[in-house]
Amino acid sequence: MSAKLDFLTAAPSQMKEWQRASFAIASSLEPSLSELVKIRASQINGCANCLNMHTVFARENGETEQRIYLVSAWREAPCYTDRERAALGWTDALTRLSEGHAHETAYEALKAEFTDEDQVKLTLLINVINGYNRLAVGFGAWVDPAAIKAAAKAAAA
């Protein structure tokens, strides 16, 4: 697969702002939870680029292979906390919003595990990864995780 368009260079100022907001949002929650959510949304959206990237980052943050492999079957896997299950359920509900508005059950679990502020942070994170999935899939992106780390440092400067 080859990229149709390099969205980072096609709209550099907008992408720099998007990246800056994305990094701030992602860092507002615990890294392990953030990466699990990004992996799950990327699985649903079929984004190979983001799956590659976020499984690398999850491992670097100490995530186990078992938990990474089982994200696709998180409902049946006993290795996730109630907080992680609530986050993954909310990720599923919002990422699949076009399939129907059946997010009330997911919201009840979310409320039980997250403060109001953290509910907003998590929802923003889900929006960010869904946005990146659409950019990557839409434009056929494949970015090395090391390049993303370099961009994160540049955006933070």
N, C-alpha and C. Protein backbone atom coordinates (compact mmCIF):
# COMPACT_ATOMS: atom_id res chain seq x y z
N MET A 1 0.85 -1.18 0.00
CA MET A 1 0.00 0.00 0.00
C MET A 1 0.89 1.23 0.00
N SER A 2 0.53 2.21 -0.80
CA SER A 2 1.28 3.46 -0.79
C SER A 2 0.33 4.59 -0.43
N ALA A 3 0.90 5.57 0.23
CA ALA A 3 0.10 6.70 0.68
C ALA A 3 -0.43 7.50 -0.51
N LYS A 4 -1.66 7.94 -0.39
CA LYS A 4 -2.27 8.78 -1.41
C LYS A 4 -1.87 10.24 -1.20
N LEU A 5 -1.67 10.58 0.07
CA LEU A 5 -1.39 11.96 0.44
C LEU A 5 -0.72 11.96 1.79
N ASP A 6 0.28 12.79 1.97
CA ASP A 6 0.91 12.96 3.28
C ASP A 6 0.19 14.11 3.98
N PHE A 7 -0.77 13.76 4.82
CA PHE A 7 -1.60 14.79 5.45
C PHE A 7 -0.82 15.67 6.42
N LEU A 8 0.32 15.17 6.92
CA LEU A 8 1.13 15.99 7.82
C LEU A 8 1.80 17.15 7.10
N THR A 9 2.18 16.94 5.85
CA THR A 9 2.82 18.02 5.10
C THR A 9 1.82 18.80 4.24
N ALA A 10 0.68 18.20 3.93
CA ALA A 10 -0.32 18.89 3.11
C ALA A 10 -0.99 20.04 3.86
N ALA A 11 -1.15 19.90 5.15
CA ALA A 11 -1.77 20.94 5.98
C ALA A 11 -0.98 21.04 7.29
N PRO A 12 0.27 21.52 7.21
CA PRO A 12 1.16 21.45 8.36
C PRO A 12 0.70 22.22 9.60
N SER A 13 0.16 23.41 9.44
CA SER A 13 -0.23 24.16 10.64
C SER A 13 -1.43 23.51 11.33
N GLN A 14 -2.40 23.05 10.55
CA GLN A 14 -3.56 22.39 11.14
C GLN A 14 -3.16 21.07 11.79
N MET A 15 -2.29 20.31 11.13
CA MET A 15 -1.86 19.03 11.69
C MET A 15 -1.01 19.24 12.95
N LYS A 16 -0.22 20.31 12.99
CA LYS A 16 0.56 20.59 14.20
C LYS A 16 -0.38 20.88 15.38
N GLU A 17 -1.44 21.64 15.13
CA GLU A 17 -2.42 21.93 16.19
C GLU A 17 -3.18 20.67 16.59
N TRP A 18 -3.55 19.85 15.60
CA TRP A 18 -4.23 18.58 15.87
C TRP A 18 -3.35 17.69 16.73
N GLN A 19 -2.06 17.59 16.36
CA GLN A 19 -1.12 16.76 17.13
C GLN A 19 -0.94 17.30 18.54
N ARG A 20 -0.82 18.60 18.67
CA ARG A 20 -0.63 19.20 20.00
C ARG A 20 -1.83 18.87 20.90
N ALA A 21 -3.03 19.05 20.37
CA ALA A 21 -4.23 18.72 21.15
C ALA A 21 -4.30 17.22 21.43
N SER A 22 -3.96 16.42 20.44
CA SER A 22 -4.01 14.96 20.60
C SER A 22 -3.09 14.49 21.72
N PHE A 23 -1.86 15.02 21.74
CA PHE A 23 -0.90 14.61 22.76
C PHE A 23 -1.36 15.08 24.15
N ALA A 24 -1.91 16.27 24.24
CA ALA A 24 -2.40 16.77 25.52
C ALA A 24 -3.56 15.92 26.03
N ILE A 25 -4.48 15.58 25.15
CA ILE A 25 -5.63 14.75 25.54
C ILE A 25 -5.16 13.37 25.97
N ALA A 26 -4.29 12.74 25.17
CA ALA A 26 -3.82 11.39 25.50
C ALA A 26 -3.08 11.36 26.82
N SER A 27 -2.32 12.40 27.12
CA SER A 27 -1.54 12.41 28.36
C SER A 27 -2.38 12.75 29.58
N SER A 28 -3.65 13.09 29.39
CA SER A 28 -4.51 13.43 30.53
C SER A 28 -5.08 12.19 31.23
N LEU A 29 -4.91 11.02 30.61
CA LEU A 29 -5.34 9.75 31.20
C LEU A 29 -4.13 8.84 31.37
N GLU A 30 -4.27 7.79 32.16
CA GLU A 30 -3.14 6.89 32.37
C GLU A 30 -2.74 6.25 31.04
N PRO A 31 -1.42 6.17 30.79
CA PRO A 31 -0.92 5.69 29.49
C PRO A 31 -1.45 4.31 29.09
N SER A 32 -1.54 3.37 30.01
CA SER A 32 -1.99 2.03 29.64
C SER A 32 -3.43 2.06 29.15
N LEU A 33 -4.28 2.81 29.82
CA LEU A 33 -5.68 2.93 29.41
C LEU A 33 -5.77 3.62 28.06
N SER A 34 -5.03 4.67 27.89
CA SER A 34 -5.03 5.43 26.65
C SER A 34 -4.67 4.55 25.45
N GLU A 35 -3.63 3.75 25.60
CA GLU A 35 -3.20 2.89 24.49
C GLU A 35 -4.21 1.77 24.22
N LEU A 36 -4.81 1.20 25.26
CA LEU A 36 -5.83 0.17 25.04
C LEU A 36 -7.01 0.74 24.25
N VAL A 37 -7.43 1.94 24.59
CA VAL A 37 -8.53 2.59 23.88
C VAL A 37 -8.15 2.83 22.42
N LYS A 38 -6.94 3.30 22.19
CA LYS A 38 -6.50 3.57 20.81
C LYS A 38 -6.42 2.27 20.01
N ILE A 39 -5.95 1.22 20.64
CA ILE A 39 -5.90 -0.08 19.95
C ILE A 39 -7.31 -0.55 19.60
N ARG A 40 -8.22 -0.45 20.55
CA ARG A 40 -9.58 -0.94 20.32
C ARG A 40 -10.28 -0.17 19.20
N ALA A 41 -10.22 1.14 19.23
CA ALA A 41 -10.86 1.92 18.17
C ALA A 41 -10.23 1.60 16.82
N SER A 42 -8.92 1.43 16.80
CA SER A 42 -8.21 1.13 15.56
C SER A 42 -8.57 -0.25 15.03
N GLN A 43 -8.84 -1.21 15.92
CA GLN A 43 -9.31 -2.52 15.50
C GLN A 43 -10.67 -2.39 14.81
N ILE A 44 -11.57 -1.68 15.44
CA ILE A 44 -12.92 -1.51 14.90
C ILE A 44 -12.87 -0.84 13.54
N ASN A 45 -12.00 0.17 13.41
CA ASN A 45 -11.91 0.95 12.17
C ASN A 45 -10.99 0.32 11.13
N GLY A 46 -10.33 -0.79 11.46
CA GLY A 46 -9.45 -1.45 10.50
C GLY A 46 -8.25 -0.61 10.11
N CYS A 47 -7.67 0.12 11.07
CA CYS A 47 -6.54 1.00 10.79
C CYS A 47 -5.22 0.31 11.15
N ALA A 48 -4.59 -0.29 10.14
CA ALA A 48 -3.32 -1.00 10.36
C ALA A 48 -2.24 -0.06 10.88
N ASN A 49 -2.18 1.14 10.34
CA ASN A 49 -1.18 2.12 10.76
C ASN A 49 -1.28 2.39 12.27
N CYS A 50 -2.47 2.68 12.74
CA CYS A 50 -2.65 3.01 14.16
C CYS A 50 -2.50 1.78 15.05
N LEU A 51 -2.92 0.61 14.56
CA LEU A 51 -2.70 -0.62 15.33
C LEU A 51 -1.21 -0.87 15.51
N ASN A 52 -0.45 -0.73 14.44
CA ASN A 52 0.99 -0.91 14.52
C ASN A 52 1.59 0.06 15.53
N MET A 53 1.23 1.29 15.41
CA MET A 53 1.80 2.33 16.27
C MET A 53 1.44 2.13 17.75
N HIS A 54 0.17 1.92 18.02
CA HIS A 54 -0.26 1.90 19.42
C HIS A 54 0.06 0.59 20.12
N THR A 55 0.23 -0.49 19.39
CA THR A 55 0.71 -1.71 20.05
C THR A 55 2.19 -1.54 20.43
N VAL A 56 2.96 -0.86 19.59
CA VAL A 56 4.36 -0.55 19.93
C VAL A 56 4.40 0.32 21.19
N PHE A 57 3.60 1.38 21.20
CA PHE A 57 3.60 2.29 22.35
C PHE A 57 3.10 1.60 23.61
N ALA A 58 2.10 0.73 23.46
CA ALA A 58 1.58 0.00 24.63
C ALA A 58 2.68 -0.87 25.24
N ARG A 59 3.41 -1.58 24.40
CA ARG A 59 4.53 -2.41 24.89
C ARG A 59 5.57 -1.55 25.60
N GLU A 60 5.90 -0.41 25.01
CA GLU A 60 6.89 0.49 25.63
C GLU A 60 6.42 0.99 26.99
N ASN A 61 5.10 1.07 27.18
CA ASN A 61 4.55 1.50 28.47
C ASN A 61 4.35 0.33 29.43
N GLY A 62 4.84 -0.86 29.05
CA GLY A 62 4.78 -2.01 29.94
C GLY A 62 3.58 -2.91 29.77
N GLU A 63 2.78 -2.67 28.74
CA GLU A 63 1.61 -3.52 28.51
C GLU A 63 2.07 -4.92 28.10
N THR A 64 1.34 -5.94 28.55
CA THR A 64 1.71 -7.32 28.23
C THR A 64 1.15 -7.72 26.86
N GLU A 65 1.81 -8.69 26.28
CA GLU A 65 1.35 -9.23 25.00
C GLU A 65 -0.07 -9.78 25.14
N GLN A 66 -0.33 -10.48 26.23
CA GLN A 66 -1.65 -11.08 26.43
C GLN A 66 -2.74 -10.01 26.37
N ARG A 67 -2.55 -8.93 27.11
CA ARG A 67 -3.59 -7.89 27.15
C ARG A 67 -3.73 -7.19 25.80
N ILE A 68 -2.64 -7.02 25.08
CA ILE A 68 -2.71 -6.42 23.75
C ILE A 68 -3.50 -7.34 22.81
N TYR A 69 -3.17 -8.64 22.82
CA TYR A 69 -3.83 -9.59 21.93
C TYR A 69 -5.32 -9.74 22.24
N LEU A 70 -5.68 -9.60 23.50
CA LEU A 70 -7.07 -9.85 23.90
C LEU A 70 -7.99 -8.63 23.81
N VAL A 71 -7.47 -7.48 23.41
CA VAL A 71 -8.33 -6.29 23.33
C VAL A 71 -9.52 -6.55 22.42
N SER A 72 -9.33 -7.29 21.35
CA SER A 72 -10.45 -7.53 20.43
C SER A 72 -11.56 -8.37 21.07
N ALA A 73 -11.24 -9.09 22.14
CA ALA A 73 -12.22 -9.91 22.85
C ALA A 73 -12.30 -9.47 24.31
N TRP A 74 -12.23 -8.18 24.55
CA TRP A 74 -12.13 -7.66 25.92
C TRP A 74 -13.32 -8.08 26.80
N ARG A 75 -14.49 -8.26 26.24
CA ARG A 75 -15.65 -8.63 27.06
C ARG A 75 -15.48 -9.99 27.72
N GLU A 76 -14.83 -10.90 27.03
CA GLU A 76 -14.65 -12.25 27.53
C GLU A 76 -13.33 -12.45 28.28
N ALA A 77 -12.39 -11.58 28.10
CA ALA A 77 -11.06 -11.73 28.69
C ALA A 77 -11.05 -11.23 30.13
N PRO A 78 -10.56 -12.04 31.07
CA PRO A 78 -10.59 -11.67 32.48
C PRO A 78 -9.47 -10.73 32.93
N CYS A 79 -8.61 -10.29 32.02
CA CYS A 79 -7.40 -9.56 32.41
C CYS A 79 -7.57 -8.05 32.48
N TYR A 80 -8.78 -7.52 32.30
CA TYR A 80 -8.99 -6.08 32.33
C TYR A 80 -9.74 -5.67 33.58
N THR A 81 -9.40 -4.50 34.10
CA THR A 81 -10.07 -3.97 35.29
C THR A 81 -11.46 -3.46 34.90
N ASP A 82 -12.27 -3.18 35.90
CA ASP A 82 -13.60 -2.61 35.63
C ASP A 82 -13.46 -1.25 34.94
N ARG A 83 -12.48 -0.47 35.33
CA ARG A 83 -12.25 0.84 34.70
C ARG A 83 -11.88 0.67 33.23
N GLU A 84 -11.01 -0.29 32.93
CA GLU A 84 -10.62 -0.54 31.55
C GLU A 84 -11.81 -1.05 30.74
N ARG A 85 -12.62 -1.92 31.34
CA ARG A 85 -13.80 -2.44 30.65
C ARG A 85 -14.78 -1.32 30.33
N ALA A 86 -14.95 -0.41 31.28
CA ALA A 86 -15.84 0.73 31.05
C ALA A 86 -15.32 1.59 29.89
N ALA A 87 -14.01 1.81 29.87
CA ALA A 87 -13.40 2.61 28.80
C ALA A 87 -13.52 1.91 27.45
N LEU A 88 -13.29 0.62 27.43
CA LEU A 88 -13.38 -0.13 26.17
C LEU A 88 -14.83 -0.20 25.68
N GLY A 89 -15.78 -0.35 26.61
CA GLY A 89 -17.19 -0.34 26.23
C GLY A 89 -17.61 1.00 25.65
N TRP A 90 -17.13 2.08 26.25
CA TRP A 90 -17.44 3.43 25.77
C TRP A 90 -16.78 3.64 24.39
N THR A 91 -15.58 3.12 24.23
CA THR A 91 -14.89 3.20 22.94
C THR A 91 -15.70 2.48 21.87
N ASP A 92 -16.14 1.27 22.16
CA ASP A 92 -16.97 0.53 21.21
C ASP A 92 -18.23 1.31 20.85
N ALA A 93 -18.92 1.81 21.87
CA ALA A 93 -20.19 2.51 21.64
C ALA A 93 -20.00 3.75 20.78
N LEU A 94 -19.00 4.56 21.07
CA LEU A 94 -18.82 5.79 20.31
C LEU A 94 -18.23 5.55 18.93
N THR A 95 -17.35 4.57 18.82
CA THR A 95 -16.74 4.27 17.52
C THR A 95 -17.77 3.68 16.57
N ARG A 96 -18.74 2.98 17.12
CA ARG A 96 -19.80 2.35 16.30
C ARG A 96 -21.11 3.13 16.37
N LEU A 97 -21.05 4.39 16.63
CA LEU A 97 -22.25 5.21 16.80
C LEU A 97 -23.18 5.13 15.58
N SER A 98 -22.61 5.02 14.41
CA SER A 98 -23.44 4.97 13.19
C SER A 98 -24.26 3.69 13.10
N GLU A 99 -23.91 2.68 13.90
CA GLU A 99 -24.65 1.41 13.88
C GLU A 99 -25.89 1.45 14.77
N GLY A 100 -26.08 2.54 15.47
CA GLY A 100 -27.24 2.67 16.34
C GLY A 100 -26.85 3.31 17.66
N HIS A 101 -27.79 3.92 18.28
CA HIS A 101 -27.52 4.65 19.52
C HIS A 101 -27.79 3.76 20.73
N ALA A 102 -26.99 2.73 20.87
CA ALA A 102 -27.13 1.78 21.98
C ALA A 102 -26.02 2.01 23.00
N HIS A 103 -25.73 3.26 23.31
CA HIS A 103 -24.61 3.57 24.21
C HIS A 103 -25.01 3.77 25.66
N GLU A 104 -26.29 3.66 25.97
CA GLU A 104 -26.74 3.91 27.35
C GLU A 104 -26.13 2.93 28.35
N THR A 105 -26.06 1.66 28.01
CA THR A 105 -25.46 0.67 28.90
C THR A 105 -23.99 0.97 29.11
N ALA A 106 -23.31 1.32 28.03
CA ALA A 106 -21.89 1.67 28.13
C ALA A 106 -21.71 2.91 29.00
N TYR A 107 -22.64 3.85 28.90
CA TYR A 107 -22.52 5.07 29.70
C TYR A 107 -22.69 4.77 31.19
N GLU A 108 -23.56 3.86 31.52
CA GLU A 108 -23.75 3.51 32.94
C GLU A 108 -22.45 2.95 33.53
N ALA A 109 -21.78 2.08 32.80
CA ALA A 109 -20.50 1.54 33.26
C ALA A 109 -19.46 2.64 33.34
N LEU A 110 -19.47 3.55 32.37
CA LEU A 110 -18.53 4.67 32.36
C LEU A 110 -18.70 5.54 33.60
N LYS A 111 -19.95 5.88 33.92
CA LYS A 111 -20.24 6.73 35.09
C LYS A 111 -19.77 6.10 36.39
N ALA A 112 -19.84 4.79 36.45
CA ALA A 112 -19.44 4.08 37.67
C ALA A 112 -17.93 4.11 37.90
N GLU A 113 -17.15 4.29 36.85
CA GLU A 113 -15.70 4.19 36.95
C GLU A 113 -14.94 5.50 36.72
N PHE A 114 -15.59 6.49 36.12
CA PHE A 114 -14.90 7.72 35.73
C PHE A 114 -15.60 8.95 36.30
N THR A 115 -14.81 9.91 36.72
CA THR A 115 -15.36 11.20 37.14
C THR A 115 -15.92 11.90 35.90
N ASP A 116 -16.69 12.95 36.12
CA ASP A 116 -17.21 13.72 34.99
C ASP A 116 -16.07 14.22 34.11
N GLU A 117 -15.04 14.75 34.73
CA GLU A 117 -13.90 15.25 33.97
C GLU A 117 -13.23 14.15 33.16
N ASP A 118 -13.02 13.00 33.78
CA ASP A 118 -12.39 11.89 33.06
C ASP A 118 -13.28 11.32 31.96
N GLN A 119 -14.60 11.41 32.13
CA GLN A 119 -15.50 10.99 31.06
C GLN A 119 -15.29 11.86 29.82
N VAL A 120 -15.12 13.15 30.04
CA VAL A 120 -14.88 14.07 28.91
C VAL A 120 -13.52 13.79 28.30
N LYS A 121 -12.49 13.61 29.14
CA LYS A 121 -11.15 13.31 28.63
C LYS A 121 -11.15 12.04 27.78
N LEU A 122 -11.80 11.00 28.28
CA LEU A 122 -11.87 9.74 27.54
C LEU A 122 -12.63 9.91 26.23
N THR A 123 -13.71 10.64 26.26
CA THR A 123 -14.49 10.87 25.04
C THR A 123 -13.68 11.66 24.02
N LEU A 124 -12.92 12.64 24.47
CA LEU A 124 -12.04 13.37 23.57
C LEU A 124 -10.98 12.44 22.98
N LEU A 125 -10.41 11.57 23.81
CA LEU A 125 -9.41 10.62 23.34
C LEU A 125 -10.00 9.71 22.26
N ILE A 126 -11.20 9.23 22.48
CA ILE A 126 -11.87 8.37 21.49
C ILE A 126 -12.09 9.14 20.18
N ASN A 127 -12.47 10.40 20.29
CA ASN A 127 -12.64 11.22 19.10
C ASN A 127 -11.33 11.41 18.36
N VAL A 128 -10.25 11.63 19.10
CA VAL A 128 -8.94 11.83 18.49
C VAL A 128 -8.51 10.58 17.72
N ILE A 129 -8.58 9.41 18.35
CA ILE A 129 -8.11 8.21 17.66
C ILE A 129 -9.02 7.88 16.48
N ASN A 130 -10.30 8.11 16.59
CA ASN A 130 -11.17 7.90 15.44
C ASN A 130 -10.81 8.86 14.31
N GLY A 131 -10.44 10.07 14.64
CA GLY A 131 -9.99 11.03 13.63
C GLY A 131 -8.72 10.58 12.95
N TYR A 132 -7.74 10.14 13.76
CA TYR A 132 -6.49 9.64 13.17
C TYR A 132 -6.74 8.40 12.32
N ASN A 133 -7.64 7.52 12.76
CA ASN A 133 -7.97 6.34 11.96
C ASN A 133 -8.49 6.76 10.59
N ARG A 134 -9.33 7.76 10.56
CA ARG A 134 -9.91 8.21 9.30
C ARG A 134 -8.87 8.87 8.40
N LEU A 135 -7.96 9.62 9.00
CA LEU A 135 -6.86 10.20 8.22
C LEU A 135 -5.97 9.10 7.64
N ALA A 136 -5.58 8.15 8.48
CA ALA A 136 -4.65 7.10 8.05
C ALA A 136 -5.27 6.16 7.03
N VAL A 137 -6.50 5.71 7.29
CA VAL A 137 -7.16 4.82 6.34
C VAL A 137 -7.51 5.58 5.06
N GLY A 138 -8.06 6.76 5.21
CA GLY A 138 -8.48 7.54 4.05
C GLY A 138 -7.34 7.87 3.10
N PHE A 139 -6.18 8.23 3.66
CA PHE A 139 -5.05 8.63 2.83
C PHE A 139 -3.99 7.54 2.70
N GLY A 140 -4.25 6.35 3.21
CA GLY A 140 -3.32 5.23 3.06
C GLY A 140 -2.00 5.45 3.79
N ALA A 141 -2.06 6.02 4.96
CA ALA A 141 -0.83 6.36 5.70
C ALA A 141 -0.20 5.14 6.35
N TRP A 142 1.11 5.15 6.38
CA TRP A 142 1.89 4.19 7.16
C TRP A 142 3.07 4.96 7.71
N VAL A 143 3.06 5.19 9.01
CA VAL A 143 4.09 5.99 9.65
C VAL A 143 4.81 5.13 10.68
N ASP A 144 6.12 5.19 10.67
CA ASP A 144 6.91 4.48 11.66
C ASP A 144 6.68 5.10 13.03
N PRO A 145 6.47 4.28 14.07
CA PRO A 145 6.25 4.83 15.41
C PRO A 145 7.35 5.80 15.88
N ALA A 146 8.59 5.59 15.46
CA ALA A 146 9.68 6.51 15.84
C ALA A 146 9.44 7.91 15.27
N ALA A 147 8.87 7.99 14.08
CA ALA A 147 8.56 9.29 13.48
C ALA A 147 7.48 10.01 14.28
N ILE A 148 6.55 9.27 14.81
CA ILE A 148 5.49 9.87 15.62
C ILE A 148 6.07 10.42 16.92
N LYS A 149 6.99 9.69 17.51
CA LYS A 149 7.65 10.18 18.73
C LYS A 149 8.38 11.48 18.46
N ALA A 150 9.06 11.56 17.32
CA ALA A 150 9.77 12.79 16.97
C ALA A 150 8.78 13.94 16.77
N ALA A 151 7.65 13.65 16.13
CA ALA A 151 6.61 14.68 15.95
C ALA A 151 6.04 15.14 17.28
N ALA A 152 5.88 14.20 18.21
CA ALA A 152 5.36 14.55 19.54
C ALA A 152 6.31 15.51 20.25
N LYS A 153 7.59 15.25 20.15
CA LYS A 153 8.58 16.13 20.78
C LYS A 153 8.55 17.51 20.12
N ALA A 154 8.45 17.53 18.81
CA ALA A 154 8.41 18.81 18.08
C ALA A 154 7.14 19.60 18.42
N ALA A 155 6.00 18.91 18.53
CA ALA A 155 4.75 19.58 18.85
C ALA A 155 4.75 20.13 20.27
N ALA A 156 5.46 19.44 21.17
CA ALA A 156 5.51 19.89 22.55
C ALA A 156 6.42 21.11 22.72
N ALA A 157 7.33 21.32 21.78
CA ALA A 157 8.29 22.42 21.88
C ALA A 157 7.67 23.76 21.54
